[in-house]
Protein backbone atom coordinates (compact mmCIF):
# COMPACT_ATOMS: atom_id res chain seq x y z
CA UNK A 1 86.62 105.43 117.59
CA UNK A 2 88.92 108.30 118.45
CA UNK A 3 92.67 108.67 117.91
CA UNK A 4 95.20 110.64 119.95
CA UNK A 5 98.84 111.36 119.21
CA UNK A 6 100.93 110.57 122.30
CA UNK A 7 104.25 112.42 122.47
CA UNK A 8 106.81 110.86 124.81
CA UNK A 9 109.74 113.22 124.19
CA UNK A 10 112.46 113.47 121.55
CA UNK A 11 115.88 111.89 121.24
CA UNK A 12 118.78 111.89 118.79
CA UNK A 13 120.39 109.22 116.63
CA UNK A 14 123.30 109.33 114.21
CA UNK A 15 122.11 110.63 110.85
CA UNK A 16 124.36 108.28 108.91
CA UNK A 17 122.93 105.28 110.74
CA UNK A 18 119.41 106.53 110.09
CA UNK A 19 119.98 106.86 106.33
CA UNK A 20 122.51 104.14 105.58
CA UNK A 21 124.22 104.63 102.19
CA UNK A 22 122.28 107.79 101.29
CA UNK A 23 124.77 110.71 101.16
CA UNK A 24 124.45 113.31 103.89
CA UNK A 25 124.10 116.10 101.31
CA UNK A 26 120.75 114.51 100.39
CA UNK A 27 119.29 113.42 103.72
CA UNK A 28 120.14 116.60 105.60
CA UNK A 29 117.72 118.51 103.37
CA UNK A 30 114.86 116.96 105.34
CA UNK A 31 116.65 115.89 108.53
CA UNK A 32 119.32 118.45 109.50
CA UNK A 33 122.18 117.14 111.64
CA UNK A 34 123.72 118.70 114.74
CA UNK A 35 127.47 119.16 115.32
CA UNK A 36 127.76 115.46 116.20
CA UNK A 37 125.96 114.35 113.01
CA UNK A 38 122.83 113.37 114.96
CA UNK A 39 119.27 114.06 113.83
CA UNK A 40 116.25 114.91 115.96
CA UNK A 41 113.79 112.06 116.45
CA UNK A 42 110.41 111.84 118.14
CA UNK A 43 109.15 108.81 120.04
CA UNK A 44 105.52 109.35 119.11
CA UNK A 45 102.91 106.75 120.07
CA UNK A 46 99.24 106.39 119.17
CA UNK A 47 96.26 106.04 121.51
CA UNK A 48 93.06 104.47 120.19
CA UNK A 49 89.72 104.82 121.95
CA UNK A 50 87.50 102.07 120.59
CA UNK A 51 84.40 101.10 122.57
CA UNK A 52 85.49 99.74 125.94
CA UNK A 53 89.10 99.44 124.80
CA UNK A 54 91.87 101.98 125.20
CA UNK A 55 94.78 100.78 123.08
CA UNK A 56 98.29 102.23 123.09
CA UNK A 57 100.53 101.57 120.08
CA UNK A 58 104.14 101.40 121.32
CA UNK A 59 105.45 103.10 124.47
CA UNK A 60 108.59 105.11 123.67
CA UNK A 61 111.90 104.75 125.50
CA UNK A 62 110.65 104.94 129.08
CA UNK A 63 112.77 106.30 131.92
CA UNK A 64 114.21 103.31 133.80
CA UNK A 65 117.59 103.18 132.09
CA UNK A 66 120.72 104.73 133.57
CA UNK A 67 121.84 108.31 133.06
CA UNK A 68 124.79 106.96 131.08
CA UNK A 69 122.45 105.09 128.73
CA UNK A 70 120.29 108.12 128.02
CA UNK A 71 123.34 110.39 127.61
CA UNK A 72 123.95 108.74 124.24
CA UNK A 73 120.55 109.89 122.95
CA UNK A 74 120.24 113.50 124.18
CA UNK A 75 116.61 113.26 125.19
CA UNK A 76 114.60 116.48 125.08
CA UNK A 77 111.06 117.83 125.23
CA UNK A 78 108.57 118.48 127.98
CA UNK A 79 106.07 115.72 127.15
CA UNK A 80 106.20 112.28 128.69
CA UNK A 81 104.04 109.23 128.14
CA UNK A 82 102.20 109.92 131.38
CA UNK A 83 101.69 113.64 130.75
CA UNK A 84 100.48 113.04 127.20
CA UNK A 85 97.94 110.47 128.40
CA UNK A 86 96.84 112.91 131.10
CA UNK A 87 96.31 115.66 128.51
CA UNK A 88 93.87 113.28 126.78
CA UNK A 89 92.04 112.64 130.05
CA UNK A 90 93.57 109.24 130.83
CA UNK A 91 96.16 107.58 133.04
CA UNK A 92 98.34 104.51 132.56
CA UNK A 93 95.85 102.50 134.60
CA UNK A 94 93.13 103.16 132.00
CA UNK A 95 95.02 101.41 129.20
CA UNK A 96 93.45 98.04 128.33
CA UNK A 97 95.90 96.95 125.63
CA UNK A 98 99.46 97.82 124.60
CA UNK A 99 100.33 96.81 121.04
CA UNK A 100 104.07 96.57 120.42
CA UNK A 101 105.11 96.97 116.78
CA UNK A 102 108.47 95.44 117.67
CA UNK A 103 110.80 95.15 120.64
CA UNK A 104 113.58 97.65 119.96
CA UNK A 105 114.14 99.74 123.08
CA UNK A 106 112.75 102.99 121.64
CA UNK A 107 109.42 101.26 120.99
CA UNK A 108 108.89 99.16 124.12
CA UNK A 109 111.06 100.74 126.83
CA UNK A 110 108.13 102.69 128.26
CA UNK A 111 106.14 99.51 128.92
CA UNK A 112 107.98 98.89 132.19
CA UNK A 113 109.36 100.95 135.04
CA UNK A 114 111.81 100.55 137.89
CA UNK A 115 110.33 100.44 141.40
CA UNK A 116 113.03 99.94 143.99
CA UNK A 117 115.08 96.97 142.84
CA UNK A 118 112.28 95.57 140.66
CA UNK A 119 111.10 96.29 137.13
CA UNK A 120 107.35 96.01 136.66
CA UNK A 121 104.80 96.86 133.96
CA UNK A 122 103.70 100.49 133.76
CA UNK A 123 100.27 99.37 132.57
CA UNK A 124 99.01 97.05 135.30
CA UNK A 125 95.56 96.56 133.72
CA UNK A 126 96.67 96.01 130.12
CA UNK A 127 97.41 93.08 127.88
CA UNK A 128 100.68 93.38 125.96
CA UNK A 129 100.38 92.23 122.33
CA UNK A 130 103.40 91.07 120.35
CA UNK A 131 103.98 88.82 117.36
CA UNK A 132 105.02 85.36 118.52
CA UNK A 133 107.57 85.17 115.72
CA UNK A 134 109.10 88.52 116.63
CA UNK A 135 109.15 87.71 120.35
CA UNK A 136 111.12 84.53 119.65
CA UNK A 137 113.41 86.44 117.27
CA UNK A 138 114.22 88.95 120.01
CA UNK A 139 114.43 86.61 122.99
CA UNK A 140 115.57 83.11 122.06
CA UNK A 141 118.63 83.87 119.96
CA UNK A 142 118.91 87.56 119.04
CA UNK A 143 121.30 88.24 116.18
CA UNK A 144 124.45 90.29 116.84
CA UNK A 145 123.17 93.15 114.66
CA UNK A 146 120.08 93.76 116.80
CA UNK A 147 121.09 92.38 120.19
CA UNK A 148 121.90 95.79 121.65
CA UNK A 149 118.37 96.97 120.86
CA UNK A 150 116.65 94.01 122.55
CA UNK A 151 117.16 94.82 126.23
CA UNK A 152 116.26 92.05 128.66
CA UNK A 153 115.06 94.56 131.24
CA UNK A 154 112.43 95.64 128.69
CA UNK A 155 111.31 92.13 127.79
CA UNK A 156 111.55 89.75 130.75
CA UNK A 157 109.26 91.77 133.10
CA UNK A 158 106.51 91.78 130.45
CA UNK A 159 106.69 88.00 130.11
CA UNK A 160 106.82 87.43 133.87
CA UNK A 161 103.81 89.69 134.44
CA UNK A 162 101.44 87.19 132.84
CA UNK A 163 99.99 90.01 130.74
CA UNK A 164 101.70 89.06 127.48
CA UNK A 165 99.68 87.87 124.47
CA UNK A 166 101.80 86.33 121.72
CA UNK A 167 99.65 86.22 118.62
CA UNK A 168 100.17 83.79 115.77
CA UNK A 169 100.11 85.77 112.54
CA UNK A 170 99.36 82.63 110.54
CA UNK A 171 95.88 82.42 112.04
CA UNK A 172 93.09 84.39 110.40
CA UNK A 173 91.91 87.39 112.41
CA UNK A 174 94.87 87.16 114.79
CA UNK A 175 94.33 90.66 116.19
CA UNK A 176 90.62 91.09 115.47
CA UNK A 177 89.89 91.83 119.13
CA UNK A 178 91.77 95.11 118.78
CA UNK A 179 89.61 96.49 115.97
CA UNK A 180 92.29 97.10 113.35
CA UNK A 181 94.22 95.18 110.71
CA UNK A 182 97.93 94.44 111.07
CA UNK A 183 100.51 94.50 108.29
CA UNK A 184 103.62 92.40 109.00
CA UNK A 185 106.95 93.32 107.41
CA UNK A 186 110.39 91.73 107.68
CA UNK A 187 112.96 94.20 106.34
CA UNK A 188 113.65 96.23 109.46
CA UNK A 189 113.32 93.27 111.80
CA UNK A 190 111.47 89.95 111.81
CA UNK A 191 107.67 90.41 111.74
CA UNK A 192 107.42 94.09 112.63
CA UNK A 193 103.69 94.76 113.00
CA UNK A 194 102.09 97.89 111.51
CA UNK A 195 98.50 98.70 112.53
CA UNK A 196 96.18 99.73 109.68
CA UNK A 197 93.35 101.72 111.20
CA UNK A 198 90.06 102.61 109.52
CA UNK A 199 89.10 106.03 110.79
CA UNK A 200 86.41 108.37 109.51
CA UNK A 201 86.60 107.07 105.97
CA UNK A 202 90.39 107.00 105.81
CA UNK A 203 93.02 104.30 106.30
CA UNK A 204 95.90 105.34 108.53
CA UNK A 205 99.03 103.19 108.62
CA UNK A 206 101.13 103.39 111.77
CA UNK A 207 104.45 103.32 109.90
CA UNK A 208 106.78 102.49 112.82
CA UNK A 209 110.28 101.89 111.39
CA UNK A 210 109.20 101.05 107.84
CA UNK A 211 109.02 104.82 107.23
CA UNK A 212 110.42 106.45 110.39
CA UNK A 213 110.40 110.05 109.08
CA UNK A 214 109.14 111.92 106.04
CA UNK A 215 112.72 111.94 104.80
CA UNK A 216 112.52 108.14 104.46
CA UNK A 217 109.61 108.08 102.00
CA UNK A 218 111.81 107.64 98.86
CA UNK A 219 112.32 103.90 98.41
CA UNK A 220 116.17 103.80 98.61
CA UNK A 221 116.26 105.97 101.75
CA UNK A 222 116.71 103.19 104.29
CA UNK A 223 118.03 102.98 107.81
CA UNK A 224 121.37 101.32 108.36
CA UNK A 225 119.64 99.41 111.15
CA UNK A 226 117.49 97.33 108.77
CA UNK A 227 118.46 93.66 108.94
CA UNK A 228 117.20 92.97 105.39
CA UNK A 229 117.46 96.24 103.44
CA UNK A 230 116.51 94.77 100.07
CA UNK A 231 113.36 93.37 101.62
CA UNK A 232 112.63 96.79 103.14
CA UNK A 233 112.75 98.34 99.67
CA UNK A 234 110.33 95.75 98.32
CA UNK A 235 107.99 96.29 101.27
CA UNK A 236 108.12 100.09 101.02
CA UNK A 237 107.41 99.95 97.29
CA UNK A 238 104.38 97.74 97.76
CA UNK A 239 103.02 99.48 100.84
CA UNK A 240 103.50 103.09 99.73
CA UNK A 241 102.03 102.46 96.28
CA UNK A 242 99.01 100.81 97.86
CA UNK A 243 98.58 103.70 100.29
CA UNK A 244 98.74 106.43 97.66
CA UNK A 245 96.40 104.56 95.30
CA UNK A 246 93.84 104.32 98.08
CA UNK A 247 94.33 107.88 99.37
CA UNK A 248 95.56 106.49 102.67
CA UNK A 249 97.75 108.27 105.22
CA UNK A 250 100.81 107.39 107.25
CA UNK A 251 101.30 108.18 110.92
CA UNK A 252 105.00 108.86 111.50
CA UNK A 253 106.53 107.75 114.77
CA UNK A 254 109.98 109.32 114.59
CA UNK A 255 109.47 112.58 112.70
CA UNK A 256 109.44 115.50 115.16
CA UNK A 257 107.82 117.86 112.62
CA UNK A 258 105.44 115.67 110.61
CA UNK A 259 102.79 113.61 112.36
CA UNK A 260 100.28 112.52 109.71
CA UNK A 261 101.48 112.54 106.11
CA UNK A 262 99.55 112.64 102.84
CA UNK A 263 101.31 111.01 99.90
CA UNK A 264 101.36 111.69 96.16
CA UNK A 265 102.59 109.77 93.13
CA UNK A 266 105.23 111.48 90.98
CA UNK A 267 107.48 110.48 88.06
CA UNK A 268 110.10 109.57 90.67
CA UNK A 269 107.70 107.44 92.69
CA UNK A 270 105.67 108.06 95.83
CA UNK A 271 106.61 111.28 97.57
CA UNK A 272 105.61 113.51 100.47
CA UNK A 273 102.63 115.71 99.64
CA UNK A 274 101.75 117.50 102.87
CA UNK A 275 101.51 116.86 106.56
CA UNK A 276 99.00 117.55 109.27
CA UNK A 277 98.10 116.40 112.75
CA UNK A 278 95.45 113.99 113.90
CA UNK A 279 93.53 116.92 115.37
CA UNK A 280 93.64 119.00 112.21
CA UNK A 281 93.17 116.65 109.29
CA UNK A 282 89.73 115.40 110.36
């Protein structure tokens, strides 16, 4: 097995929304805001080489939305999904599986592209994996709080492609074909799926939006986007304590400065210890 960090460019979101009730004087120590109170975010994905499989975890925002849409997020950076894959020696056609942690637009937007008046999958040879429960949550009757993040142009083309695998988390070994375990959490959104990857003697948790940046490691530091914030705190407490007790690492998706984070236990709880990159820590 081999892991690659896949950078797809940065974007910005409102710092207050990203930290909820946490005062700005506290969160800006780790996540400085610009003149519009927005913080820098990465849309980092993870590529897993495992035998004859080439698995991509999430896809970033993509590029099919309108200029007006992207103007709200001030995208930046030279790397794209395609260029990052190319730097690893691969193309989108080499991907065998795309695992979607959840269906918010900054996690699945890059799965499809606009060609003429049609929207089609970027990864024509891949299966798309998504929790059945989360797919129904996003598609059948999305709640008003999340509806703006579940874009039909991101979801319908995947379903119509015939490449979608909706796994049932209640069945044992529901993602065993992919070669990693999956942790399901419900605070940020229904059944967000976090890959737990065994790699060279270490466990790496793809943290997705449970811990979007290093600044979100303290338990009360939650996003205003979470649909069940009290559940998020319970999940973070359990997950982070388990990770630090087992010397495990977290792979951060939205932190532009910290890619892989080592944790430590302090009197105040689990905290940031140090960060590295996938290339350097091994």
